[in-house]
Amino acid sequence: MSKAQGKAKQLKGKAKDTTGKATGNRRLQAEGKAEELHGKTQEAAEKIKKSTDT
């Protein structure tokens, strides 16, 4: 997974979260938050991987 893919997952999750809030769909909101967190985790892991490669 690349840093860009992690960022894309964050954006997709944020969109789901916002849509869930707007429509009152708690399930979609929770999915969005989880996906956003997963993207942040992927991005952080990539940063760590990159810093240890040097």
N, C-alpha and C. Protein backbone atom coordinates (compact mmCIF):
# COMPACT_ATOMS: atom_id res chain seq x y z
N MET A 1 0.84 -1.18 0.00
CA MET A 1 0.00 0.00 0.00
C MET A 1 0.88 1.24 0.00
N SER A 2 0.52 2.18 -0.79
CA SER A 2 1.29 3.42 -0.84
C SER A 2 0.64 4.49 0.01
N LYS A 3 1.40 5.55 0.24
CA LYS A 3 0.90 6.67 1.01
C LYS A 3 -0.32 7.28 0.32
N ALA A 4 -0.26 7.35 -1.01
CA ALA A 4 -1.38 7.92 -1.78
C ALA A 4 -2.64 7.06 -1.64
N GLN A 5 -2.47 5.76 -1.61
CA GLN A 5 -3.63 4.87 -1.45
C GLN A 5 -4.24 5.04 -0.06
N GLY A 6 -3.39 5.25 0.93
CA GLY A 6 -3.89 5.50 2.29
C GLY A 6 -4.68 6.79 2.35
N LYS A 7 -4.18 7.82 1.67
CA LYS A 7 -4.86 9.11 1.63
C LYS A 7 -6.19 8.98 0.90
N ALA A 8 -6.22 8.22 -0.18
CA ALA A 8 -7.46 8.01 -0.93
C ALA A 8 -8.49 7.30 -0.07
N LYS A 9 -8.05 6.34 0.70
CA LYS A 9 -8.96 5.60 1.58
C LYS A 9 -9.53 6.54 2.66
N GLN A 10 -8.69 7.45 3.14
CA GLN A 10 -9.15 8.44 4.12
C GLN A 10 -10.25 9.32 3.53
N LEU A 11 -10.03 9.79 2.31
CA LEU A 11 -11.01 10.65 1.66
C LEU A 11 -12.32 9.93 1.39
N LYS A 12 -12.22 8.68 0.97
CA LYS A 12 -13.42 7.88 0.73
C LYS A 12 -14.18 7.66 2.04
N GLY A 13 -13.44 7.39 3.10
CA GLY A 13 -14.06 7.20 4.40
C GLY A 13 -14.73 8.47 4.90
N LYS A 14 -14.07 9.61 4.68
CA LYS A 14 -14.64 10.89 5.10
C LYS A 14 -15.94 11.16 4.36
N ALA A 15 -15.97 10.83 3.08
CA ALA A 15 -17.18 11.02 2.28
C ALA A 15 -18.32 10.15 2.80
N LYS A 16 -18.02 8.91 3.13
CA LYS A 16 -19.03 8.01 3.69
C LYS A 16 -19.54 8.52 5.04
N ASP A 17 -18.62 8.98 5.86
CA ASP A 17 -18.98 9.51 7.18
C ASP A 17 -19.91 10.71 7.03
N THR A 18 -19.55 11.63 6.15
CA THR A 18 -20.36 12.82 5.92
C THR A 18 -21.73 12.47 5.37
N THR A 19 -21.77 11.56 4.42
CA THR A 19 -23.05 11.12 3.85
C THR A 19 -23.91 10.45 4.91
N GLY A 20 -23.29 9.62 5.74
CA GLY A 20 -24.00 8.96 6.82
C GLY A 20 -24.60 9.96 7.80
N LYS A 21 -23.83 11.00 8.13
CA LYS A 21 -24.32 12.03 9.03
C LYS A 21 -25.51 12.78 8.40
N ALA A 22 -25.37 13.11 7.13
CA ALA A 22 -26.40 13.89 6.43
C ALA A 22 -27.71 13.11 6.29
N THR A 23 -27.60 11.81 6.12
CA THR A 23 -28.80 11.00 5.89
C THR A 23 -29.30 10.30 7.16
N GLY A 24 -28.53 10.42 8.24
CA GLY A 24 -28.91 9.75 9.48
C GLY A 24 -28.64 8.26 9.46
N ASN A 25 -27.78 7.82 8.54
CA ASN A 25 -27.44 6.41 8.41
C ASN A 25 -26.21 6.12 9.28
N ARG A 26 -26.45 5.59 10.46
CA ARG A 26 -25.35 5.34 11.40
C ARG A 26 -24.39 4.27 10.90
N ARG A 27 -24.90 3.29 10.19
CA ARG A 27 -24.03 2.22 9.67
C ARG A 27 -23.03 2.79 8.66
N LEU A 28 -23.52 3.63 7.75
CA LEU A 28 -22.64 4.24 6.75
C LEU A 28 -21.63 5.17 7.43
N GLN A 29 -22.09 5.87 8.44
CA GLN A 29 -21.20 6.76 9.18
C GLN A 29 -20.09 5.96 9.86
N ALA A 30 -20.45 4.85 10.47
CA ALA A 30 -19.45 4.00 11.14
C ALA A 30 -18.48 3.40 10.14
N GLU A 31 -18.99 2.96 8.99
CA GLU A 31 -18.11 2.42 7.94
C GLU A 31 -17.12 3.49 7.50
N GLY A 32 -17.61 4.69 7.34
CA GLY A 32 -16.75 5.80 6.91
C GLY A 32 -15.65 6.08 7.91
N LYS A 33 -16.01 6.12 9.18
CA LYS A 33 -15.00 6.37 10.22
C LYS A 33 -13.96 5.26 10.25
N ALA A 34 -14.41 4.02 10.10
CA ALA A 34 -13.48 2.89 10.10
C ALA A 34 -12.55 2.95 8.89
N GLU A 35 -13.11 3.27 7.74
CA GLU A 35 -12.30 3.35 6.52
C GLU A 35 -11.29 4.50 6.60
N GLU A 36 -11.73 5.60 7.17
CA GLU A 36 -10.83 6.75 7.34
C GLU A 36 -9.67 6.39 8.27
N LEU A 37 -9.97 5.71 9.36
CA LEU A 37 -8.94 5.28 10.30
C LEU A 37 -7.98 4.29 9.64
N HIS A 38 -8.52 3.39 8.84
CA HIS A 38 -7.68 2.41 8.13
C HIS A 38 -6.72 3.14 7.19
N GLY A 39 -7.21 4.16 6.51
CA GLY A 39 -6.36 4.95 5.61
C GLY A 39 -5.25 5.66 6.37
N LYS A 40 -5.59 6.21 7.53
CA LYS A 40 -4.58 6.89 8.34
C LYS A 40 -3.52 5.90 8.81
N THR A 41 -3.96 4.71 9.17
CA THR A 41 -3.03 3.67 9.61
C THR A 41 -2.09 3.27 8.48
N GLN A 42 -2.66 3.10 7.28
CA GLN A 42 -1.84 2.74 6.13
C GLN A 42 -0.81 3.83 5.82
N GLU A 43 -1.25 5.08 5.90
CA GLU A 43 -0.34 6.19 5.62
C GLU A 43 0.79 6.24 6.65
N ALA A 44 0.46 6.04 7.92
CA ALA A 44 1.47 6.04 8.97
C ALA A 44 2.44 4.88 8.80
N ALA A 45 1.92 3.72 8.45
CA ALA A 45 2.78 2.55 8.24
C ALA A 45 3.75 2.80 7.08
N GLU A 46 3.28 3.45 6.05
CA GLU A 46 4.14 3.75 4.91
C GLU A 46 5.24 4.74 5.30
N LYS A 47 4.90 5.71 6.13
CA LYS A 47 5.90 6.67 6.61
C LYS A 47 6.98 5.95 7.42
N ILE A 48 6.55 5.03 8.29
CA ILE A 48 7.50 4.28 9.11
C ILE A 48 8.38 3.41 8.22
N LYS A 49 7.75 2.75 7.26
CA LYS A 49 8.51 1.89 6.34
C LYS A 49 9.54 2.69 5.58
N LYS A 50 9.14 3.86 5.12
CA LYS A 50 10.05 4.72 4.36
C LYS A 50 11.22 5.22 5.22
N SER A 51 10.92 5.55 6.49
CA SER A 51 11.98 6.05 7.36
C SER A 51 12.98 4.96 7.76
N THR A 52 12.54 3.71 7.78
CA THR A 52 13.45 2.63 8.14
C THR A 52 14.24 2.10 6.94
N ASP A 53 13.79 2.44 5.73
CA ASP A 53 14.48 1.99 4.52
C ASP A 53 15.78 2.75 4.28
N THR A 54 15.95 3.89 4.87
CA THR A 54 17.14 4.69 4.60
C THR A 54 18.30 4.35 5.47
